[in-house]
C-alpha atoms as a PDB file:
ATOM      1  CA  MET A   1      -0.007  -0.079   0.114  1.00  0.00           C
ATOM      2  CA  THR A   2       1.106   3.624  -0.896  1.00  0.00           C
ATOM      3  CA  THR A   3       1.805   5.557   2.197  1.00  0.00           C
ATOM      4  CA  PRO A   4       0.894   9.420   2.441  1.00  0.00           C
ATOM      5  CA  LEU A   5       4.621   9.959   3.066  1.00  0.00           C
ATOM      6  CA  LEU A   6       5.449   8.328  -0.434  1.00  0.00           C
ATOM      7  CA  TRP A   7       3.175  10.591  -2.083  1.00  0.00           C
ATOM      8  CA  ILE A   8       4.442  13.808  -0.422  1.00  0.00           C
ATOM      9  CA  GLY A   9       8.047  12.765  -1.275  1.00  0.00           C
ATOM     10  CA  PHE A  10       7.361  12.030  -4.707  1.00  0.00           C
ATOM     11  CA  SER A  11       5.490  15.519  -5.215  1.00  0.00           C
ATOM     12  CA  LEU A  12       8.301  17.315  -3.388  1.00  0.00           C
ATOM     13  CA  ILE A  13      10.984  15.663  -5.814  1.00  0.00           C
ATOM     14  CA  VAL A  14       8.901  16.805  -8.674  1.00  0.00           C
ATOM     15  CA  LEU A  15       8.455  20.426  -7.693  1.00  0.00           C
ATOM     16  CA  ILE A  16      12.345  20.416  -7.044  1.00  0.00           C
ATOM     17  CA  VAL A  17      13.153  19.102 -10.464  1.00  0.00           C
ATOM     18  CA  MET A  18      10.914  21.607 -11.922  1.00  0.00           C
ATOM     19  CA  SER A  19      12.271  24.441 -10.047  1.00  0.00           C
ATOM     20  CA  LEU A  20      15.648  23.377 -11.191  1.00  0.00           C
ATOM     21  CA  ASP A  21      14.319  23.132 -14.585  1.00  0.00           C
ATOM     22  CA  LEU A  22      13.052  26.791 -14.797  1.00  0.00           C
ATOM     23  CA  GLY A  23      15.208  28.539 -12.419  1.00  0.00           C
ATOM     24  CA  VAL A  24      18.725  27.065 -13.234  1.00  0.00           C
ATOM     25  CA  PHE A  25      18.723  25.243 -16.575  1.00  0.00           C
ATOM     26  CA  HIS A  26      16.233  27.466 -18.312  1.00  0.00           C
ATOM     27  CA  ARG A  27      16.632  30.681 -16.295  1.00  0.00           C
ATOM     28  CA  ARG A  28      17.182  32.730 -19.382  1.00  0.00           C
ATOM     29  CA  ALA A  29      14.713  32.702 -22.227  1.00  0.00           C
ATOM     30  CA  HIS A  30      16.339  31.025 -25.351  1.00  0.00           C
ATOM     31  CA  VAL A  31      15.378  29.119 -28.389  1.00  0.00           C
ATOM     32  CA  VAL A  32      15.435  25.282 -27.435  1.00  0.00           C
ATOM     33  CA  ARG A  33      17.627  23.601 -30.262  1.00  0.00           C
ATOM     34  CA  PHE A  34      17.003  20.188 -31.411  1.00  0.00           C
ATOM     35  CA  ARG A  35      20.094  18.596 -29.712  1.00  0.00           C
ATOM     36  CA  GLU A  36      19.092  20.196 -26.477  1.00  0.00           C
ATOM     37  CA  ALA A  37      15.690  19.213 -26.618  1.00  0.00           C
ATOM     38  CA  LEU A  38      16.897  15.553 -27.476  1.00  0.00           C
ATOM     39  CA  ALA A  39      19.175  15.422 -24.562  1.00  0.00           C
ATOM     40  CA  TRP A  40      16.371  16.617 -22.299  1.00  0.00           C
ATOM     41  CA  THR A  41      14.092  13.985 -23.746  1.00  0.00           C
ATOM     42  CA  GLY A  42      16.774  11.401 -22.781  1.00  0.00           C
ATOM     43  CA  VAL A  43      17.012  12.667 -19.168  1.00  0.00           C
ATOM     44  CA  TRP A  44      13.320  12.530 -18.564  1.00  0.00           C
ATOM     45  CA  ILE A  45      12.963   9.109 -20.158  1.00  0.00           C
ATOM     46  CA  SER A  46      15.937   8.043 -17.910  1.00  0.00           C
ATOM     47  CA  LEU A  47      14.269   9.388 -14.842  1.00  0.00           C
ATOM     48  CA  ALA A  48      11.073   7.442 -15.820  1.00  0.00           C
ATOM     49  CA  LEU A  49      12.828   4.286 -16.255  1.00  0.00           C
ATOM     50  CA  ALA A  50      14.836   4.659 -12.938  1.00  0.00           C
ATOM     51  CA  PHE A  51      11.492   5.200 -11.228  1.00  0.00           C
ATOM     52  CA  CYS A  52      10.244   2.192 -12.638  1.00  0.00           C
ATOM     53  CA  VAL A  53      13.226   0.314 -11.376  1.00  0.00           C
ATOM     54  CA  GLY A  54      12.590   1.763  -8.067  1.00  0.00           C
ATOM     55  CA  ILE A  55       8.859   0.445  -8.229  1.00  0.00           C
ATOM     56  CA  TYR A  56      10.256  -3.017  -8.902  1.00  0.00           C
ATOM     57  CA  TYR A  57      12.624  -3.118  -6.119  1.00  0.00           C
ATOM     58  CA  PHE A  58      10.115  -1.742  -3.578  1.00  0.00           C
ATOM     59  CA  LYS A  59       6.737  -3.011  -4.910  1.00  0.00           C
ATOM     60  CA  GLY A  60       7.479  -5.849  -7.196  1.00  0.00           C
ATOM     61  CA  ALA A  61       7.379  -6.704 -10.991  1.00  0.00           C
ATOM     62  CA  HIS A  62       3.630  -6.462 -11.366  1.00  0.00           C
ATOM     63  CA  PRO A  63       3.399  -2.781 -10.302  1.00  0.00           C
ATOM     64  CA  ALA A  64       6.614  -1.963 -12.508  1.00  0.00           C
ATOM     65  CA  LEU A  65       5.105  -3.426 -15.637  1.00  0.00           C
ATOM     66  CA  GLU A  66       1.771  -1.392 -14.853  1.00  0.00           C
ATOM     67  CA  PHE A  67       3.892   1.629 -14.466  1.00  0.00           C
ATOM     68  CA  LEU A  68       5.841   1.151 -17.700  1.00  0.00           C
ATOM     69  CA  THR A  69       2.757   0.281 -19.568  1.00  0.00           C
ATOM     70  CA  GLY A  70       0.878   3.170 -18.236  1.00  0.00           C
ATOM     71  CA  TYR A  71       3.949   5.638 -18.935  1.00  0.00           C
ATOM     72  CA  LEU A  72       4.198   4.416 -22.768  1.00  0.00           C
ATOM     73  CA  ILE A  73       0.447   4.819 -23.049  1.00  0.00           C
ATOM     74  CA  GLU A  74       0.526   8.367 -21.741  1.00  0.00           C
ATOM     75  CA  TYR A  75       3.625   9.295 -23.522  1.00  0.00           C
ATOM     76  CA  SER A  76       2.367   8.183 -26.795  1.00  0.00           C
ATOM     77  CA  LEU A  77      -0.902   9.857 -26.470  1.00  0.00           C
ATOM     78  CA  SER A  78       0.958  12.999 -25.680  1.00  0.00           C
ATOM     79  CA  MET A  79       1.766  13.224 -29.326  1.00  0.00           C
ATOM     80  CA  ASP A  80      -1.613  14.823 -30.108  1.00  0.00           C
ATOM     81  CA  ASN A  81      -0.760  17.364 -27.548  1.00  0.00           C
ATOM     82  CA  ILE A  82       2.475  18.251 -29.642  1.00  0.00           C
ATOM     83  CA  PHE A  83       0.257  18.825 -32.804  1.00  0.00           C
ATOM     84  CA  VAL A  84      -2.149  21.248 -31.023  1.00  0.00           C
ATOM     85  CA  PHE A  85       0.836  22.994 -29.375  1.00  0.00           C
ATOM     86  CA  LEU A  86       2.368  23.495 -32.694  1.00  0.00           C
ATOM     87  CA  LEU A  87      -0.890  24.861 -34.127  1.00  0.00           C
ATOM     88  CA  ILE A  88      -1.278  27.333 -31.206  1.00  0.00           C
ATOM     89  CA  PHE A  89       2.184  28.727 -31.384  1.00  0.00           C
ATOM     90  CA  THR A  90       1.765  29.030 -35.303  1.00  0.00           C
ATOM     91  CA  TYR A  91      -1.260  30.996 -35.098  1.00  0.00           C
ATOM     92  CA  PHE A  92      -0.236  33.323 -32.351  1.00  0.00           C
ATOM     93  CA  ARG A  93       3.307  33.633 -33.662  1.00  0.00           C
ATOM     94  CA  VAL A  94       4.836  32.901 -30.418  1.00  0.00           C
ATOM     95  CA  PRO A  95       8.652  33.784 -30.439  1.00  0.00           C
ATOM     96  CA  ALA A  96      10.507  30.563 -30.068  1.00  0.00           C
ATOM     97  CA  GLN A  97      12.436  31.824 -27.056  1.00  0.00           C
ATOM     98  CA  TYR A  98       9.214  31.920 -24.946  1.00  0.00           C
ATOM     99  CA  GLN A  99       7.614  28.797 -25.872  1.00  0.00           C
ATOM    100  CA  HIS A 100       9.448  26.822 -23.282  1.00  0.00           C
ATOM    101  CA  ARG A 101       8.208  29.216 -20.774  1.00  0.00           C
ATOM    102  CA  VAL A 102       4.470  28.716 -21.720  1.00  0.00           C
ATOM    103  CA  LEU A 103       4.985  24.916 -21.921  1.00  0.00           C
ATOM    104  CA  PHE A 104       6.726  24.870 -18.464  1.00  0.00           C
ATOM    105  CA  TRP A 105       3.768  26.672 -16.737  1.00  0.00           C
ATOM    106  CA  GLY A 106       1.188  24.816 -18.929  1.00  0.00           C
ATOM    107  CA  ILE A 107       2.686  21.632 -17.827  1.00  0.00           C
ATOM    108  CA  LEU A 108       2.654  22.696 -14.034  1.00  0.00           C
ATOM    109  CA  GLY A 109      -1.183  23.338 -14.350  1.00  0.00           C
ATOM    110  CA  ALA A 110      -1.635  19.987 -16.146  1.00  0.00           C
ATOM    111  CA  LEU A 111      -0.065  18.171 -13.369  1.00  0.00           C
ATOM    112  CA  VAL A 112      -2.687  19.785 -10.861  1.00  0.00           C
ATOM    113  CA  MET A 113      -5.494  19.152 -13.219  1.00  0.00           C
ATOM    114  CA  ARG A 114      -4.448  15.428 -13.919  1.00  0.00           C
ATOM    115  CA  ALA A 115      -4.149  14.833 -10.109  1.00  0.00           C
ATOM    116  CA  LEU A 116      -7.857  16.191  -9.749  1.00  0.00           C
ATOM    117  CA  PHE A 117      -8.897  13.998 -12.721  1.00  0.00           C
ATOM    118  CA  ILE A 118      -7.075  11.045 -11.179  1.00  0.00           C
ATOM    119  CA  ALA A 119      -8.547  11.633  -7.741  1.00  0.00           C
ATOM    120  CA  ALA A 120     -12.151  11.810  -9.267  1.00  0.00           C
ATOM    121  CA  GLY A 121     -11.756   8.617 -11.480  1.00  0.00           C
ATOM    122  CA  ALA A 122     -10.373   6.835  -8.477  1.00  0.00           C
ATOM    123  CA  ALA A 123     -13.289   7.575  -6.490  1.00  0.00           C
ATOM    124  CA  LEU A 124     -15.846   7.010  -9.107  1.00  0.00           C
ATOM    125  CA  LEU A 125     -14.405   3.380  -9.914  1.00  0.00           C
ATOM    126  CA  ALA A 126     -14.290   2.555  -6.138  1.00  0.00           C
ATOM    127  CA  ARG A 127     -17.849   3.577  -5.505  1.00  0.00           C
ATOM    128  CA  PHE A 128     -19.596   2.831  -8.764  1.00  0.00           C
ATOM    129  CA  HIS A 129     -17.855  -0.217 -10.499  1.00  0.00           C
ATOM    130  CA  TRP A 130     -20.136   0.050 -13.511  1.00  0.00           C
ATOM    131  CA  ILE A 131     -18.276   3.214 -14.544  1.00  0.00           C
ATOM    132  CA  ILE A 132     -15.541   0.978 -16.053  1.00  0.00           C
ATOM    133  CA  TYR A 133     -17.839   0.031 -18.782  1.00  0.00           C
ATOM    134  CA  VAL A 134     -18.558   3.680 -19.491  1.00  0.00           C
ATOM    135  CA  PHE A 135     -14.859   4.517 -19.474  1.00  0.00           C
ATOM    136  CA  GLY A 136     -14.281   1.491 -21.647  1.00  0.00           C
ATOM    137  CA  LEU A 137     -16.993   2.622 -24.304  1.00  0.00           C
ATOM    138  CA  PHE A 138     -15.643   6.198 -24.395  1.00  0.00           C
ATOM    139  CA  LEU A 139     -12.162   5.086 -25.069  1.00  0.00           C
ATOM    140  CA  ILE A 140     -13.466   2.982 -28.010  1.00  0.00           C
ATOM    141  CA  TYR A 141     -15.460   5.991 -29.449  1.00  0.00           C
ATOM    142  CA  SER A 142     -12.309   8.374 -28.846  1.00  0.00           C
ATOM    143  CA  GLY A 143     -10.135   5.882 -30.667  1.00  0.00           C
ATOM    144  CA  VAL A 144     -12.521   5.309 -33.653  1.00  0.00           C
ATOM    145  CA  LYS A 145     -12.960   8.956 -33.918  1.00  0.00           C
ATOM    146  CA  MET A 146      -9.206   9.555 -34.049  1.00  0.00           C
ATOM    147  CA  GLY A 147      -8.726   7.089 -36.731  1.00  0.00           C
ATOM    148  CA  LEU A 148     -11.264   8.682 -38.980  1.00  0.00           C
ATOM    149  CA  GLN A 149      -9.917  12.061 -38.347  1.00  0.00           C
ATOM    150  CA  LYS A 150      -7.712  13.348 -41.005  1.00  0.00           C
ATOM    151  CA  ASP A 151      -7.094  16.957 -39.914  1.00  0.00           C
ATOM    152  CA  VAL A 152      -6.304  18.489 -36.681  1.00  0.00           C
ATOM    153  CA  GLU A 153      -8.231  21.943 -36.428  1.00  0.00           C
ATOM    154  CA  VAL A 154      -7.828  24.509 -33.697  1.00  0.00           C
ATOM    155  CA  HIS A 155     -10.393  27.267 -33.374  1.00  0.00           C
ATOM    156  CA  PRO A 156      -8.803  29.751 -30.589  1.00  0.00           C
ATOM    157  CA  GLU A 157     -11.715  32.222 -30.833  1.00  0.00           C
ATOM    158  CA  ARG A 158     -14.308  29.659 -30.080  1.00  0.00           C
ATOM    159  CA  ASN A 159     -12.433  28.372 -26.997  1.00  0.00           C
ATOM    160  CA  PRO A 160     -15.144  28.871 -24.094  1.00  0.00           C
ATOM    161  CA  VAL A 161     -12.259  29.512 -21.513  1.00  0.00           C
ATOM    162  CA  LEU A 162     -10.646  32.230 -23.631  1.00  0.00           C
ATOM    163  CA  ARG A 163     -14.046  33.668 -24.384  1.00  0.00           C
ATOM    164  CA  LEU A 164     -14.801  33.813 -20.760  1.00  0.00           C
ATOM    165  CA  PHE A 165     -11.367  35.243 -19.682  1.00  0.00           C
ATOM    166  CA  ARG A 166     -11.855  38.172 -22.281  1.00  0.00           C
ATOM    167  CA  ARG A 167     -14.911  39.273 -20.624  1.00  0.00           C
ATOM    168  CA  PHE A 168     -13.104  40.032 -17.439  1.00  0.00           C
ATOM    169  CA  MET A 169      -9.351  40.802 -18.563  1.00  0.00           C
ATOM    170  CA  PRO A 170      -8.376  42.884 -21.604  1.00  0.00           C
ATOM    171  CA  VAL A 171      -5.625  41.614 -23.812  1.00  0.00           C
ATOM    172  CA  SER A 172      -2.803  43.589 -25.181  1.00  0.00           C
ATOM    173  CA  GLU A 173      -1.991  43.411 -28.917  1.00  0.00           C
ATOM    174  CA  ASP A 174       1.688  42.714 -28.656  1.00  0.00           C
ATOM    175  CA  PHE A 175       4.152  40.475 -26.565  1.00  0.00           C
ATOM    176  CA  GLU A 176       5.935  41.935 -23.782  1.00  0.00           C
ATOM    177  CA  GLY A 177       8.919  39.672 -23.639  1.00  0.00           C
ATOM    178  CA  GLY A 178       8.139  36.757 -21.572  1.00  0.00           C
ATOM    179  CA  LYS A 179       5.684  38.529 -19.395  1.00  0.00           C
ATOM    180  CA  PHE A 180       2.065  37.030 -18.966  1.00  0.00           C
ATOM    181  CA  PHE A 181       0.772  40.270 -17.701  1.00  0.00           C
ATOM    182  CA  THR A 182       1.599  43.991 -18.273  1.00  0.00           C
ATOM    183  CA  TRP A 183       0.162  47.356 -17.488  1.00  0.00           C
ATOM    184  CA  ARG A 184      -1.583  49.787 -20.057  1.00  0.00           C
ATOM    185  CA  ALA A 185      -2.742  53.156 -19.342  1.00  0.00           C
ATOM    186  CA  GLY A 186      -2.612  52.229 -15.594  1.00  0.00           C
ATOM    187  CA  ARG A 187      -4.598  49.171 -16.233  1.00  0.00           C
ATOM    188  CA  ARG A 188      -3.289  45.611 -15.770  1.00  0.00           C
ATOM    189  CA  VAL A 189      -3.836  43.600 -18.855  1.00  0.00           C
ATOM    190  CA  ALA A 190      -2.762  40.250 -20.067  1.00  0.00           C
ATOM    191  CA  THR A 191      -0.370  39.660 -23.016  1.00  0.00           C
ATOM    192  CA  PRO A 192      -1.087  37.306 -25.962  1.00  0.00           C
ATOM    193  CA  LEU A 193       1.489  35.043 -24.245  1.00  0.00           C
ATOM    194  CA  PHE A 194      -0.993  34.404 -21.374  1.00  0.00           C
ATOM    195  CA  VAL A 195      -3.759  33.920 -23.973  1.00  0.00           C
ATOM    196  CA  VAL A 196      -1.603  31.063 -25.362  1.00  0.00           C
ATOM    197  CA  LEU A 197      -1.036  29.613 -21.938  1.00  0.00           C
ATOM    198  CA  LEU A 198      -4.771  29.310 -21.431  1.00  0.00           C
ATOM    199  CA  LEU A 199      -5.400  27.594 -24.599  1.00  0.00           C
ATOM    200  CA  VAL A 200      -2.545  25.212 -23.794  1.00  0.00           C
ATOM    201  CA  GLU A 201      -4.192  24.379 -20.332  1.00  0.00           C
ATOM    202  CA  SER A 202      -7.545  23.962 -21.641  1.00  0.00           C
ATOM    203  CA  SER A 203      -6.486  21.577 -24.556  1.00  0.00           C
ATOM    204  CA  ASP A 204      -4.841  19.449 -21.932  1.00  0.00           C
ATOM    205  CA  VAL A 205      -8.206  19.280 -20.137  1.00  0.00           C
ATOM    206  CA  VAL A 206      -9.596  17.681 -23.398  1.00  0.00           C
ATOM    207  CA  PHE A 207      -6.725  15.259 -23.840  1.00  0.00           C
ATOM    208  CA  ALA A 208      -6.891  14.152 -20.107  1.00  0.00           C
ATOM    209  CA  CYS A 209     -10.353  12.954 -20.968  1.00  0.00           C
ATOM    210  CA  ASP A 210      -8.788  10.331 -23.195  1.00  0.00           C
ATOM    211  CA  SER A 211      -5.555   9.531 -21.271  1.00  0.00           C
ATOM    212  CA  ILE A 212      -6.790   9.170 -17.702  1.00  0.00           C
ATOM    213  CA  PRO A 213      -9.394   6.485 -18.417  1.00  0.00           C
ATOM    214  CA  ALA A 214      -6.705   4.713 -20.604  1.00  0.00           C
ATOM    215  CA  ILE A 215      -4.357   4.467 -17.692  1.00  0.00           C
ATOM    216  CA  PHE A 216      -7.041   3.013 -15.509  1.00  0.00           C
ATOM    217  CA  ALA A 217      -7.519   0.236 -17.851  1.00  0.00           C
ATOM    218  CA  ILE A 218      -4.090  -0.804 -16.910  1.00  0.00           C
ATOM    219  CA  THR A 219      -3.879  -0.336 -13.232  1.00  0.00           C
ATOM    220  CA  ARG A 220      -6.368   0.791 -10.539  1.00  0.00           C
ATOM    221  CA  ASP A 221      -3.467   2.004  -8.238  1.00  0.00           C
ATOM    222  CA  PRO A 222      -3.836   5.774  -8.065  1.00  0.00           C
ATOM    223  CA  PHE A 223      -0.075   6.124  -7.181  1.00  0.00           C
ATOM    224  CA  ILE A 224       0.956   4.254 -10.366  1.00  0.00           C
ATOM    225  CA  VAL A 225      -1.734   6.272 -12.358  1.00  0.00           C
ATOM    226  CA  PHE A 226      -0.373   9.576 -11.135  1.00  0.00           C
ATOM    227  CA  THR A 227       3.325   8.995 -11.298  1.00  0.00           C
ATOM    228  CA  SER A 228       3.033   7.443 -14.952  1.00  0.00           C
ATOM    229  CA  ASN A 229       1.086  10.569 -16.001  1.00  0.00           C
ATOM    230  CA  VAL A 230       3.586  12.761 -14.317  1.00  0.00           C
ATOM    231  CA  PHE A 231       6.744  11.455 -15.981  1.00  0.00           C
ATOM    232  CA  ALA A 232       5.003  11.576 -19.406  1.00  0.00           C
ATOM    233  CA  ILE A 233       3.806  15.027 -18.837  1.00  0.00           C
ATOM    234  CA  LEU A 234       7.333  16.141 -17.647  1.00  0.00           C
ATOM    235  CA  GLY A 235       8.830  14.662 -20.688  1.00  0.00           C
ATOM    236  CA  LEU A 236       6.507  16.543 -23.065  1.00  0.00           C
ATOM    237  CA  ARG A 237       8.054  19.908 -23.274  1.00  0.00           C
ATOM    238  CA  SER A 238      11.497  18.357 -24.563  1.00  0.00           C
ATOM    239  CA  LEU A 239       9.718  15.957 -26.827  1.00  0.00           C
ATOM    240  CA  TYR A 240       7.763  18.865 -28.495  1.00  0.00           C
ATOM    241  CA  PHE A 241      10.953  20.782 -29.396  1.00  0.00           C
ATOM    242  CA  ALA A 242      12.572  17.612 -30.499  1.00  0.00           C
ATOM    243  CA  LEU A 243       9.680  16.441 -32.747  1.00  0.00           C
ATOM    244  CA  ALA A 244       7.837  19.644 -33.720  1.00  0.00           C
ATOM    245  CA  GLY A 245       9.819  20.077 -36.792  1.00  0.00           C
ATOM    246  CA  VAL A 246       9.348  16.320 -38.012  1.00  0.00           C
ATOM    247  CA  MET A 247       5.961  15.338 -36.737  1.00  0.00           C
ATOM    248  CA  ARG A 248       4.826  15.463 -40.281  1.00  0.00           C
ATOM    249  CA  MET A 249       7.041  12.393 -40.978  1.00  0.00           C
ATOM    250  CA  PHE A 250       4.852  10.244 -38.673  1.00  0.00           C
ATOM    251  CA  HIS A 251       1.572  10.732 -40.451  1.00  0.00           C
ATOM    252  CA  HIS A 252       0.331   7.239 -39.641  1.00  0.00           C
ATOM    253  CA  LEU A 253       1.016   7.841 -36.048  1.00  0.00           C
ATOM    254  CA  HIS A 254      -2.585   8.659 -35.297  1.00  0.00           C
ATOM    255  CA  TYR A 255      -3.862   5.337 -36.532  1.00  0.00           C
ATOM    256  CA  GLY A 256      -1.530   3.948 -34.040  1.00  0.00           C
ATOM    257  CA  LEU A 257      -2.886   6.060 -31.155  1.00  0.00           C
ATOM    258  CA  SER A 258      -6.342   5.135 -32.242  1.00  0.00           C
ATOM    259  CA  ALA A 259      -5.659   1.429 -32.224  1.00  0.00           C
ATOM    260  CA  ILE A 260      -4.298   1.855 -28.658  1.00  0.00           C
ATOM    261  CA  LEU A 261      -7.273   3.670 -27.466  1.00  0.00           C
ATOM    262  CA  VAL A 262      -9.463   0.951 -28.807  1.00  0.00           C
ATOM    263  CA  PHE A 263      -7.166  -1.595 -27.455  1.00  0.00           C
ATOM    264  CA  VAL A 264      -7.399  -0.289 -23.799  1.00  0.00           C
ATOM    265  CA  GLY A 265     -11.096   0.195 -24.128  1.00  0.00           C
ATOM    266  CA  VAL A 266     -11.690  -3.127 -25.139  1.00  0.00           C
ATOM    267  CA  LYS A 267      -9.408  -4.425 -22.447  1.00  0.00           C
ATOM    268  CA  MET A 268     -11.485  -2.363 -19.829  1.00  0.00           C
ATOM    269  CA  LEU A 269     -14.652  -3.647 -20.919  1.00  0.00           C
ATOM    270  CA  GLY A 270     -13.560  -7.324 -20.670  1.00  0.00           C
ATOM    271  CA  SER A 271     -11.576  -6.858 -17.312  1.00  0.00           C
ATOM    272  CA  GLU A 272     -13.969  -9.084 -15.343  1.00  0.00           C
ATOM    273  CA  VAL A 273     -13.705 -11.986 -17.708  1.00  0.00           C
ATOM    274  CA  LEU A 274     -10.134 -11.557 -19.351  1.00  0.00           C
ATOM    275  CA  HIS A 275      -7.216 -10.678 -17.079  1.00  0.00           C
ATOM    276  CA  LEU A 276      -4.411  -9.666 -19.541  1.00  0.00           C
ATOM    277  CA  PRO A 277      -1.083  -9.520 -17.876  1.00  0.00           C
ATOM    278  CA  PRO A 278       0.758  -6.213 -17.873  1.00  0.00           C
ATOM    279  CA  SER A 279       3.629  -7.654 -19.927  1.00  0.00           C
ATOM    280  CA  ILE A 280       1.280  -8.579 -22.710  1.00  0.00           C
ATOM    281  CA  ALA A 281      -0.680  -5.282 -22.644  1.00  0.00           C
ATOM    282  CA  LEU A 282       2.957  -3.430 -22.817  1.00  0.00           C
ATOM    283  CA  GLY A 283       3.872  -5.612 -25.784  1.00  0.00           C
ATOM    284  CA  VAL A 284       0.849  -4.857 -27.713  1.00  0.00           C
ATOM    285  CA  VAL A 285       1.112  -1.161 -27.061  1.00  0.00           C
ATOM    286  CA  ALA A 286       4.735  -1.094 -28.130  1.00  0.00           C
ATOM    287  CA  ALA A 287       4.220  -3.048 -31.201  1.00  0.00           C
ATOM    288  CA  ILE A 288       1.201  -0.739 -32.423  1.00  0.00           C
ATOM    289  CA  LEU A 289       3.477   2.376 -31.832  1.00  0.00           C
ATOM    290  CA  VAL A 290       6.359   0.646 -33.779  1.00  0.00           C
ATOM    291  CA  LEU A 291       4.266  -0.545 -36.610  1.00  0.00           C
ATOM    292  CA  SER A 292       2.740   2.820 -37.070  1.00  0.00           C
ATOM    293  CA  ILE A 293       6.139   4.642 -37.142  1.00  0.00           C
ATOM    294  CA  ILE A 294       7.464   2.054 -39.557  1.00  0.00           C
ATOM    295  CA  ALA A 295       4.370   2.549 -41.724  1.00  0.00           C
ATOM    296  CA  SER A 296       5.054   6.166 -41.805  1.00  0.00           C
ATOM    297  CA  ILE A 297       8.617   5.695 -42.875  1.00  0.00           C
ATOM    298  CA  ILE A 298       8.084   3.215 -45.697  1.00  0.00           C
ATOM    299  CA  TRP A 299       4.947   5.087 -46.868  1.00  0.00           C
ATOM    300  CA  PRO A 300       5.715   8.634 -46.724  1.00  0.00           C
ATOM    301  CA  LYS A 301       3.241  11.417 -47.291  1.00  0.00           C
ATOM    302  CA  PRO A 302       3.682  12.406 -50.984  1.00  0.00           C
ATOM    303  CA  GLU A 303       2.196  15.986 -50.644  1.00  0.00           C
ATOM    304  CA  PRO A 304       4.189  18.817 -48.776  1.00  0.00           C
ATOM    305  CA  PRO A 305       2.897  19.955 -45.527  1.00  0.00           C
ATOM    306  CA  HIS A 306      -0.266  22.235 -45.923  1.00  0.00           C
ATOM    307  CA  VAL A 307      -0.916  25.125 -43.511  1.00  0.00           C
ATOM    308  CA  GLU A 308      -4.010  27.300 -43.942  1.00  0.00           C
ATOM    309  CA  VAL A 309      -4.630  29.991 -41.752  1.00  0.00           C
ATOM    310  CA  GLN A 310      -8.017  31.893 -42.063  1.00  0.00           C
ATOM    311  CA  HIS A 311      -8.660  34.923 -40.039  1.00  0.00           C
ATOM    312  CA  ARG A 312      -9.891  38.360 -39.876  1.00  0.00           C
ATOM    313  CA  ALA A 313      -8.765  41.164 -37.650  1.00  0.00           C
ATOM    314  CA  ARG A 314      -8.040  39.762 -34.155  1.00  0.00           C
ATOM    315  CA  GLU A 315      -9.524  42.891 -32.434  1.00  0.00           C
ATOM    316  CA  ASP A 316     -12.854  41.873 -34.030  1.00  0.00           C
ATOM    317  CA  HIS A 317     -12.819  38.607 -32.370  1.00  0.00           C
ATOM    318  CA  ASP A 318     -13.871  37.012 -35.308  1.00  0.00           C
ATOM    319  CA  ASP A 319     -13.635  32.999 -35.792  1.00  0.00           C
ATOM    320  CA  VAL A 320     -10.183  31.597 -36.464  1.00  0.00           C
ATOM    321  CA  THR A 321      -9.509  28.309 -38.214  1.00  0.00           C
ATOM    322  CA  VAL A 322      -5.857  26.816 -38.052  1.00  0.00           C
ATOM    323  CA  LYS A 323      -5.760  23.703 -40.180  1.00  0.00           C
ATOM    324  CA  VAL A 324      -3.037  21.357 -40.713  1.00  0.00           C
ATOM    325  CA  ASP A 325      -3.049  18.163 -42.589  1.00  0.00           C
ATOM    326  CA  VAL A 326      -1.423  15.361 -40.484  1.00  0.00           C
END
């Protein structure tokens, strides 16, 4: 059983690591290059694997395999986040040196929201066992929908969080360096960078609706669910900077992610009659990811990337469509 001390200790370690990340390693705003992003991606993956070894040592092989499977699922599903981050940054023309700052605070907020989602999911499963079938059907629906979807579209002006925010807080026209707020005529206003942060946060809520039920299909241990989510999210920033420029190469990846969601949904629906070992679940998820990547390399996308931005004046708050073929 996971003790409160272990929860507190893990949370403190995460806060220390993130403080070092922003306060020491990324204290000055700069453009994150491919090599730096790749190195940090390796660091976060190594930390996750080291934590998995710790789970194996203290809790056994079964929980360690559950963590590794959950981590792989969460990390792979975060690829969709990368697509959306790219669209948001492209539309708002966020300077490259400030993108890491947005993702840092966005991911910090995501950790808090994921913790709330996980606590709610665990409470629902403990009190209403039938909710597992609702989760399973929802995952299958999400997987089929993702497989049929060809384009990723983002409509910033239709975002309800952004609409509500603009009713109470004015937004400046220009960026103010890496600031989220500034002053105009003696009045405090938000900068476009904070608007981007809001969109990043709200988009993660949508993705959490898929990823949280998916991990509950692997394990019901809230500690394993939370820690696998945390490590996947912490590695998301460096993964974005490492893959943002080449994501187009993996145009069949969304089929793989679709298959993973359907697989875990079916696993959740049949959990009462079919007890699939974590090692088999891990192998299936890994095989699906590898096959989708190999398929993308063997059958590359023939047409060049097409980016279409349709908008009117931002000050008129008209609808905006950002469309990218993936």
